[in-house]
C-alpha atoms as a PDB file:
ATOM      1  CA  MET A   1       3.239  -0.974 -18.336  1.00  0.00           C
ATOM      2  CA  ASP A   2      -0.112  -0.972 -16.562  1.00  0.00           C
ATOM      3  CA  ILE A   3       0.325   0.183 -12.957  1.00  0.00           C
ATOM      4  CA  ILE A   4      -2.387  -0.525 -10.383  1.00  0.00           C
ATOM      5  CA  LEU A   5      -2.057   1.922  -7.482  1.00  0.00           C
ATOM      6  CA  VAL A   6      -3.680   0.880  -4.208  1.00  0.00           C
ATOM      7  CA  PRO A   7      -4.027   3.478  -1.432  1.00  0.00           C
ATOM      8  CA  GLY A   8      -3.591   2.894   2.265  1.00  0.00           C
ATOM      9  CA  LEU A   9      -6.221   3.360   4.951  1.00  0.00           C
ATOM     10  CA  TRP A  10      -8.449   6.460   4.734  1.00  0.00           C
ATOM     11  CA  LEU A  11      -7.340   7.280   1.201  1.00  0.00           C
ATOM     12  CA  ASP A  12      -8.962   6.831  -2.185  1.00  0.00           C
ATOM     13  CA  ALA A  13      -7.766   6.866  -5.787  1.00  0.00           C
ATOM     14  CA  SER A  14      -7.264  10.635  -5.713  1.00  0.00           C
ATOM     15  CA  SER A  15      -4.381  10.262  -3.249  1.00  0.00           C
ATOM     16  CA  TRP A  16      -2.213   9.066  -6.147  1.00  0.00           C
ATOM     17  CA  GLU A  17      -2.785  12.184  -8.266  1.00  0.00           C
ATOM     18  CA  PRO A  18       0.586  13.769  -7.345  1.00  0.00           C
ATOM     19  CA  VAL A  19       2.531  10.882  -8.959  1.00  0.00           C
ATOM     20  CA  LEU A  20       0.364  10.242 -12.032  1.00  0.00           C
ATOM     21  CA  PRO A  21       2.023  12.794 -14.355  1.00  0.00           C
ATOM     22  CA  ALA A  22       5.460  11.218 -13.885  1.00  0.00           C
ATOM     23  CA  LEU A  23       4.135   7.710 -14.509  1.00  0.00           C
ATOM     24  CA  GLU A  24       2.339   8.816 -17.648  1.00  0.00           C
ATOM     25  CA  LYS A  25       5.370  10.753 -18.899  1.00  0.00           C
ATOM     26  CA  ALA A  26       7.424   7.572 -18.508  1.00  0.00           C
ATOM     27  CA  GLY A  27       4.963   5.789 -20.783  1.00  0.00           C
ATOM     28  CA  HIS A  28       2.991   3.875 -18.187  1.00  0.00           C
ATOM     29  CA  THR A  29      -0.765   3.578 -17.823  1.00  0.00           C
ATOM     30  CA  ALA A  30      -1.859   4.258 -14.252  1.00  0.00           C
ATOM     31  CA  HIS A  31      -4.907   2.669 -12.657  1.00  0.00           C
ATOM     32  CA  PRO A  32      -5.428   4.291  -9.220  1.00  0.00           C
ATOM     33  CA  ILE A  33      -8.308   2.620  -7.434  1.00  0.00           C
ATOM     34  CA  THR A  34     -10.663   3.294  -4.548  1.00  0.00           C
ATOM     35  CA  LEU A  35     -11.293   0.208  -2.441  1.00  0.00           C
ATOM     36  CA  PRO A  36     -14.790  -1.041  -1.532  1.00  0.00           C
ATOM     37  CA  GLY A  37     -16.540   0.689   1.347  1.00  0.00           C
ATOM     38  CA  VAL A  38     -14.153   3.620   1.638  1.00  0.00           C
ATOM     39  CA  GLY A  39     -16.180   6.640   2.710  1.00  0.00           C
ATOM     40  CA  ALA A  40     -19.364   4.587   3.100  1.00  0.00           C
ATOM     41  CA  PRO A  41     -21.453   4.455   6.303  1.00  0.00           C
ATOM     42  CA  ALA A  42     -21.579   1.325   8.425  1.00  0.00           C
ATOM     43  CA  SER A  43     -24.929   0.359   6.904  1.00  0.00           C
ATOM     44  CA  GLN A  44     -23.120  -0.136   3.586  1.00  0.00           C
ATOM     45  CA  SER A  45     -19.642  -1.207   4.703  1.00  0.00           C
ATOM     46  CA  ALA A  46     -20.026  -3.346   7.842  1.00  0.00           C
ATOM     47  CA  GLY A  47     -19.613  -6.603   5.956  1.00  0.00           C
ATOM     48  CA  ILE A  48     -16.555  -5.562   3.956  1.00  0.00           C
ATOM     49  CA  GLY A  49     -13.269  -7.193   4.916  1.00  0.00           C
ATOM     50  CA  ILE A  50      -9.711  -7.341   3.648  1.00  0.00           C
ATOM     51  CA  GLN A  51     -10.556 -10.136   1.203  1.00  0.00           C
ATOM     52  CA  ASP A  52     -13.037  -7.829  -0.516  1.00  0.00           C
ATOM     53  CA  TRP A  53     -10.210  -5.353  -1.004  1.00  0.00           C
ATOM     54  CA  VAL A  54      -7.922  -8.068  -2.355  1.00  0.00           C
ATOM     55  CA  ASP A  55     -10.681  -9.260  -4.674  1.00  0.00           C
ATOM     56  CA  ALA A  56     -11.131  -5.705  -5.987  1.00  0.00           C
ATOM     57  CA  VAL A  57      -7.472  -5.591  -7.011  1.00  0.00           C
ATOM     58  CA  VAL A  58      -7.648  -9.062  -8.534  1.00  0.00           C
ATOM     59  CA  SER A  59     -10.638  -7.916 -10.606  1.00  0.00           C
ATOM     60  CA  GLU A  60      -8.612  -4.931 -11.781  1.00  0.00           C
ATOM     61  CA  ILE A  61      -5.757  -7.242 -12.800  1.00  0.00           C
ATOM     62  CA  ASP A  62      -8.179  -9.497 -14.680  1.00  0.00           C
ATOM     63  CA  ALA A  63      -9.573  -6.515 -16.593  1.00  0.00           C
ATOM     64  CA  ILE A  64      -6.115  -5.680 -18.011  1.00  0.00           C
ATOM     65  CA  PRO A  65      -4.871  -7.925 -20.822  1.00  0.00           C
ATOM     66  CA  GLY A  66      -1.141  -7.785 -20.132  1.00  0.00           C
ATOM     67  CA  PRO A  67       1.244  -7.867 -17.174  1.00  0.00           C
ATOM     68  CA  VAL A  68       0.819  -5.365 -14.365  1.00  0.00           C
ATOM     69  CA  VAL A  69       2.810  -3.753 -11.585  1.00  0.00           C
ATOM     70  CA  LEU A  70       1.068  -3.456  -8.233  1.00  0.00           C
ATOM     71  CA  VAL A  71       1.820  -0.489  -5.971  1.00  0.00           C
ATOM     72  CA  GLY A  72       0.514  -0.478  -2.405  1.00  0.00           C
ATOM     73  CA  HIS A  73       0.906   2.316   0.126  1.00  0.00           C
ATOM     74  CA  SER A  74       0.827   1.492   3.846  1.00  0.00           C
ATOM     75  CA  GLY A  75      -2.119  -0.830   4.534  1.00  0.00           C
ATOM     76  CA  GLY A  76      -2.550  -1.171   0.795  1.00  0.00           C
ATOM     77  CA  GLY A  77       0.557  -3.343   0.957  1.00  0.00           C
ATOM     78  CA  ASN A  78      -1.469  -6.131   2.571  1.00  0.00           C
ATOM     79  CA  VAL A  79      -3.976  -5.828  -0.252  1.00  0.00           C
ATOM     80  CA  VAL A  80      -1.516  -6.011  -3.147  1.00  0.00           C
ATOM     81  CA  TRP A  81       0.395  -8.858  -1.502  1.00  0.00           C
ATOM     82  CA  GLY A  82      -2.813 -10.871  -1.359  1.00  0.00           C
ATOM     83  CA  ALA A  83      -3.476 -10.044  -5.012  1.00  0.00           C
ATOM     84  CA  ALA A  84       0.076 -11.069  -5.924  1.00  0.00           C
ATOM     85  CA  GLU A  85      -0.551 -14.487  -4.397  1.00  0.00           C
ATOM     86  CA  ALA A  86      -3.780 -14.845  -6.360  1.00  0.00           C
ATOM     87  CA  ARG A  87      -2.353 -13.665  -9.713  1.00  0.00           C
ATOM     88  CA  SER A  88       1.413 -14.135  -9.461  1.00  0.00           C
ATOM     89  CA  GLU A  89       1.681 -15.050 -13.147  1.00  0.00           C
ATOM     90  CA  ARG A  90       0.229 -11.652 -14.100  1.00  0.00           C
ATOM     91  CA  VAL A  91       2.218  -9.441 -11.737  1.00  0.00           C
ATOM     92  CA  ARG A  92       5.569  -8.179 -13.024  1.00  0.00           C
ATOM     93  CA  ARG A  93       6.539  -6.494  -9.732  1.00  0.00           C
ATOM     94  CA  VAL A  94       5.076  -5.441  -6.384  1.00  0.00           C
ATOM     95  CA  ILE A  95       6.127  -2.026  -5.079  1.00  0.00           C
ATOM     96  CA  LEU A  96       5.345  -1.274  -1.438  1.00  0.00           C
ATOM     97  CA  VAL A  97       5.438   2.312  -0.202  1.00  0.00           C
ATOM     98  CA  ASP A  98       6.605   2.480   3.417  1.00  0.00           C
ATOM     99  CA  THR A  99       5.226  -0.899   4.368  1.00  0.00           C
ATOM    100  CA  VAL A 100       6.280  -4.544   4.352  1.00  0.00           C
ATOM    101  CA  PRO A 101       4.791  -7.762   2.962  1.00  0.00           C
ATOM    102  CA  PRO A 102       2.583  -9.393   5.604  1.00  0.00           C
ATOM    103  CA  PRO A 103       2.661 -13.100   6.402  1.00  0.00           C
ATOM    104  CA  ASP A 104      -0.444 -15.232   6.130  1.00  0.00           C
ATOM    105  CA  GLY A 105      -2.865 -13.967   8.787  1.00  0.00           C
ATOM    106  CA  GLY A 106      -1.168 -10.581   9.054  1.00  0.00           C
ATOM    107  CA  GLN A 107      -3.265  -7.560   9.971  1.00  0.00           C
ATOM    108  CA  ILE A 108      -2.856  -3.865   9.229  1.00  0.00           C
ATOM    109  CA  SER A 109      -3.441  -2.381  12.701  1.00  0.00           C
ATOM    110  CA  GLU A 110      -6.158  -1.485  15.182  1.00  0.00           C
ATOM    111  CA  PHE A 111      -7.936   1.869  15.282  1.00  0.00           C
ATOM    112  CA  GLU A 112     -10.926   3.331  17.081  1.00  0.00           C
ATOM    113  CA  ILE A 113     -14.315   2.551  15.578  1.00  0.00           C
ATOM    114  CA  VAL A 114     -16.788   5.440  15.509  1.00  0.00           C
ATOM    115  CA  ASP A 115     -20.385   4.928  14.380  1.00  0.00           C
ATOM    116  CA  GLY A 116     -19.464   1.560  12.940  1.00  0.00           C
ATOM    117  CA  VAL A 117     -16.583   2.800  10.755  1.00  0.00           C
ATOM    118  CA  ILE A 118     -12.998   3.946  11.273  1.00  0.00           C
ATOM    119  CA  PRO A 119     -12.368   7.649  10.637  1.00  0.00           C
ATOM    120  CA  PHE A 120      -8.947   9.146  10.046  1.00  0.00           C
ATOM    121  CA  PRO A 121      -7.462   9.477  13.561  1.00  0.00           C
ATOM    122  CA  GLY A 122      -5.536  12.700  12.895  1.00  0.00           C
ATOM    123  CA  TRP A 123      -1.856  13.358  12.338  1.00  0.00           C
ATOM    124  CA  ASP A 124      -1.056  13.547  16.046  1.00  0.00           C
ATOM    125  CA  SER A 125      -1.863   9.843  16.432  1.00  0.00           C
ATOM    126  CA  PHE A 126       1.190   8.835  14.397  1.00  0.00           C
ATOM    127  CA  ASP A 127       4.830   8.645  15.443  1.00  0.00           C
ATOM    128  CA  ALA A 128       6.826  11.816  14.864  1.00  0.00           C
ATOM    129  CA  PRO A 129       9.101  10.411  12.098  1.00  0.00           C
ATOM    130  CA  GLU A 130       6.038   9.377  10.088  1.00  0.00           C
ATOM    131  CA  VAL A 131       4.707  12.921   9.874  1.00  0.00           C
ATOM    132  CA  ALA A 132       7.907  14.975  10.230  1.00  0.00           C
ATOM    133  CA  ASP A 133       7.992  16.075   6.580  1.00  0.00           C
ATOM    134  CA  LEU A 134       4.330  17.111   6.436  1.00  0.00           C
ATOM    135  CA  ASP A 135       4.030  20.859   6.953  1.00  0.00           C
ATOM    136  CA  GLU A 136       0.803  22.360   8.277  1.00  0.00           C
ATOM    137  CA  GLN A 137      -0.572  23.239   4.854  1.00  0.00           C
ATOM    138  CA  THR A 138       0.140  19.763   3.505  1.00  0.00           C
ATOM    139  CA  ARG A 139      -1.462  18.173   6.552  1.00  0.00           C
ATOM    140  CA  ALA A 140      -4.584  20.270   6.141  1.00  0.00           C
ATOM    141  CA  THR A 141      -4.844  19.543   2.426  1.00  0.00           C
ATOM    142  CA  ALA A 142      -4.173  15.827   2.806  1.00  0.00           C
ATOM    143  CA  ALA A 143      -6.644  15.493   5.677  1.00  0.00           C
ATOM    144  CA  LEU A 144      -9.374  16.761   3.362  1.00  0.00           C
ATOM    145  CA  ARG A 145      -8.727  13.711   1.173  1.00  0.00           C
ATOM    146  CA  THR A 146      -9.332  11.221   3.965  1.00  0.00           C
ATOM    147  CA  ARG A 147     -12.383   8.967   4.149  1.00  0.00           C
ATOM    148  CA  THR A 148     -13.649   6.435   6.650  1.00  0.00           C
ATOM    149  CA  VAL A 149     -12.785   2.778   6.164  1.00  0.00           C
ATOM    150  CA  PRO A 150     -14.880  -0.318   6.923  1.00  0.00           C
ATOM    151  CA  ALA A 151     -14.526  -1.342  10.558  1.00  0.00           C
ATOM    152  CA  LYS A 152     -13.396  -4.902   9.811  1.00  0.00           C
ATOM    153  CA  VAL A 153     -10.614  -4.145   7.379  1.00  0.00           C
ATOM    154  CA  PRO A 154      -7.668  -3.009   9.569  1.00  0.00           C
ATOM    155  CA  THR A 155      -7.828  -6.051  11.860  1.00  0.00           C
ATOM    156  CA  ASP A 156      -9.028  -8.590   9.295  1.00  0.00           C
ATOM    157  CA  PRO A 157      -6.303 -11.211   8.677  1.00  0.00           C
ATOM    158  CA  VAL A 158      -5.152 -11.432   5.082  1.00  0.00           C
ATOM    159  CA  ARG A 159      -5.328 -14.935   3.623  1.00  0.00           C
ATOM    160  CA  LEU A 160      -2.212 -16.014   1.770  1.00  0.00           C
ATOM    161  CA  ASP A 161      -2.718 -19.627   0.730  1.00  0.00           C
ATOM    162  CA  GLY A 162       0.259 -20.896  -1.224  1.00  0.00           C
ATOM    163  CA  THR A 163       3.726 -19.634  -2.076  1.00  0.00           C
ATOM    164  CA  ALA A 164       3.296 -18.193  -5.589  1.00  0.00           C
ATOM    165  CA  ARG A 165       3.781 -14.632  -4.353  1.00  0.00           C
ATOM    166  CA  TYR A 166       7.404 -15.330  -3.490  1.00  0.00           C
ATOM    167  CA  THR A 167       8.276 -15.539  -7.192  1.00  0.00           C
ATOM    168  CA  VAL A 168       7.169 -11.935  -7.798  1.00  0.00           C
ATOM    169  CA  PRO A 169       9.976  -9.343  -7.554  1.00  0.00           C
ATOM    170  CA  VAL A 170       9.398  -6.844  -4.753  1.00  0.00           C
ATOM    171  CA  THR A 171      10.626  -3.286  -4.255  1.00  0.00           C
ATOM    172  CA  LEU A 172      10.182  -1.614  -0.885  1.00  0.00           C
ATOM    173  CA  LEU A 173      10.242   2.188  -0.953  1.00  0.00           C
ATOM    174  CA  MET A 174      10.929   2.858   2.700  1.00  0.00           C
ATOM    175  CA  GLY A 175      10.673   6.251   4.332  1.00  0.00           C
ATOM    176  CA  GLN A 176      13.210   5.851   7.118  1.00  0.00           C
ATOM    177  CA  LEU A 177      15.232   2.689   6.464  1.00  0.00           C
ATOM    178  CA  ASP A 178      17.857   1.918   3.854  1.00  0.00           C
ATOM    179  CA  ASP A 179      18.486  -1.620   2.581  1.00  0.00           C
ATOM    180  CA  GLU A 180      20.957  -2.639   5.274  1.00  0.00           C
ATOM    181  CA  ALA A 181      18.954  -1.158   8.141  1.00  0.00           C
ATOM    182  CA  PHE A 182      15.693  -2.644   6.911  1.00  0.00           C
ATOM    183  CA  ARG A 183      17.089  -6.151   6.502  1.00  0.00           C
ATOM    184  CA  ALA A 184      18.606  -5.980   9.981  1.00  0.00           C
ATOM    185  CA  ALA A 185      15.298  -4.787  11.428  1.00  0.00           C
ATOM    186  CA  VAL A 186      12.993  -7.215   9.634  1.00  0.00           C
ATOM    187  CA  SER A 187      15.111 -10.149  10.767  1.00  0.00           C
ATOM    188  CA  GLN A 188      13.836  -9.351  14.285  1.00  0.00           C
ATOM    189  CA  TRP A 189      10.162  -9.216  13.302  1.00  0.00           C
ATOM    190  CA  GLY A 190       9.282 -12.905  13.571  1.00  0.00           C
ATOM    191  CA  ARG A 191       6.935 -14.112  10.839  1.00  0.00           C
ATOM    192  CA  TYR A 192       7.335 -10.839   8.919  1.00  0.00           C
ATOM    193  CA  GLY A 193      11.040 -11.542   8.632  1.00  0.00           C
ATOM    194  CA  THR A 194      10.370 -15.088   7.488  1.00  0.00           C
ATOM    195  CA  GLU A 195       7.925 -13.778   4.874  1.00  0.00           C
ATOM    196  CA  PHE A 196      10.407 -11.268   3.532  1.00  0.00           C
ATOM    197  CA  ASP A 197      13.242 -13.803   3.417  1.00  0.00           C
ATOM    198  CA  ALA A 198      11.092 -16.103   1.281  1.00  0.00           C
ATOM    199  CA  ILE A 199      10.886 -13.552  -1.556  1.00  0.00           C
ATOM    200  CA  ALA A 200      13.233 -14.607  -4.348  1.00  0.00           C
ATOM    201  CA  ASP A 201      13.986 -11.086  -5.631  1.00  0.00           C
ATOM    202  CA  SER A 202      13.745  -8.100  -3.287  1.00  0.00           C
ATOM    203  CA  GLU A 203      15.223  -4.637  -3.028  1.00  0.00           C
ATOM    204  CA  VAL A 204      14.880  -1.802  -0.537  1.00  0.00           C
ATOM    205  CA  VAL A 205      15.078   1.862  -1.555  1.00  0.00           C
ATOM    206  CA  HIS A 206      15.469   4.587   1.057  1.00  0.00           C
ATOM    207  CA  LEU A 207      13.173   7.549   0.350  1.00  0.00           C
ATOM    208  CA  ASP A 208      14.251   9.594   3.374  1.00  0.00           C
ATOM    209  CA  SER A 209      10.639  10.619   3.898  1.00  0.00           C
ATOM    210  CA  GLY A 210       7.750  10.227   6.261  1.00  0.00           C
ATOM    211  CA  HIS A 211       4.913   7.764   5.821  1.00  0.00           C
ATOM    212  CA  TRP A 212       3.001   9.772   3.183  1.00  0.00           C
ATOM    213  CA  PRO A 213       5.571  10.681   0.499  1.00  0.00           C
ATOM    214  CA  GLN A 214       2.832  11.082  -2.134  1.00  0.00           C
ATOM    215  CA  PHE A 215       1.854  14.220  -0.203  1.00  0.00           C
ATOM    216  CA  SER A 216       5.133  15.379   1.334  1.00  0.00           C
ATOM    217  CA  GLN A 217       7.617  14.444  -1.412  1.00  0.00           C
ATOM    218  CA  PRO A 218       5.670  13.628  -4.592  1.00  0.00           C
ATOM    219  CA  ASP A 219       8.616  14.279  -6.923  1.00  0.00           C
ATOM    220  CA  ASN A 220      10.888  12.009  -4.895  1.00  0.00           C
ATOM    221  CA  LEU A 221       8.270   9.258  -4.792  1.00  0.00           C
ATOM    222  CA  SER A 222       7.545   9.668  -8.504  1.00  0.00           C
ATOM    223  CA  ARG A 223      11.216   9.175  -9.409  1.00  0.00           C
ATOM    224  CA  ALA A 224      11.460   6.122  -7.164  1.00  0.00           C
ATOM    225  CA  LEU A 225       8.335   4.568  -8.671  1.00  0.00           C
ATOM    226  CA  VAL A 226       9.491   5.115 -12.238  1.00  0.00           C
ATOM    227  CA  ALA A 227      12.922   3.650 -11.391  1.00  0.00           C
ATOM    228  CA  ALA A 228      11.358   0.578  -9.779  1.00  0.00           C
ATOM    229  CA  ILE A 229       8.997  -0.242 -12.638  1.00  0.00           C
ATOM    230  CA  ARG A 230      10.873  -2.592 -14.934  1.00  0.00           C
END
């Protein structure tokens, strides 16, 4: 199976390196991508929005002759969900790593803009459970991988015109929540709960990790990815 791996904010294709050996050993072909404008100055990235990121994934799908699985980490979940709507007939499964499918108009989050771009805000800006399994060495190493992202992207609403995405099976690999806890929580999240309920085939797998399992628990994430790809 061809697997398109989409990183979250501040990360590029290299962030998926810890899980590539397991995917390849299982017989899959991995396509980790770097999204447009990542690491570029404002003069080159100011006009880039979330649709450009979705379009980049759609182009990757179109370049592969057979079915694909889309994997999105964190904010990359918004991107792959938009691509699933655009190419539902080509997507065998969507796997979201510690994130949820956004509704039409959903945004990633808001972060401080510096010199026209958004730099990595540092580990201390995240909630304790998200970073609890990142030791100091892992934090330092992972921080070296981070890049700026275009200023528009985190608050740019994703466009989800249609309902085709709901036919695509979805696996959520959640750091802190198991299936029962997640379904109870998402039912309280307004339009996000409605979006999730509309998916015909969904499952939730508890990783028992922080928000960056590709860095903190790569073996655990690798096993979960391989198990979900079917």
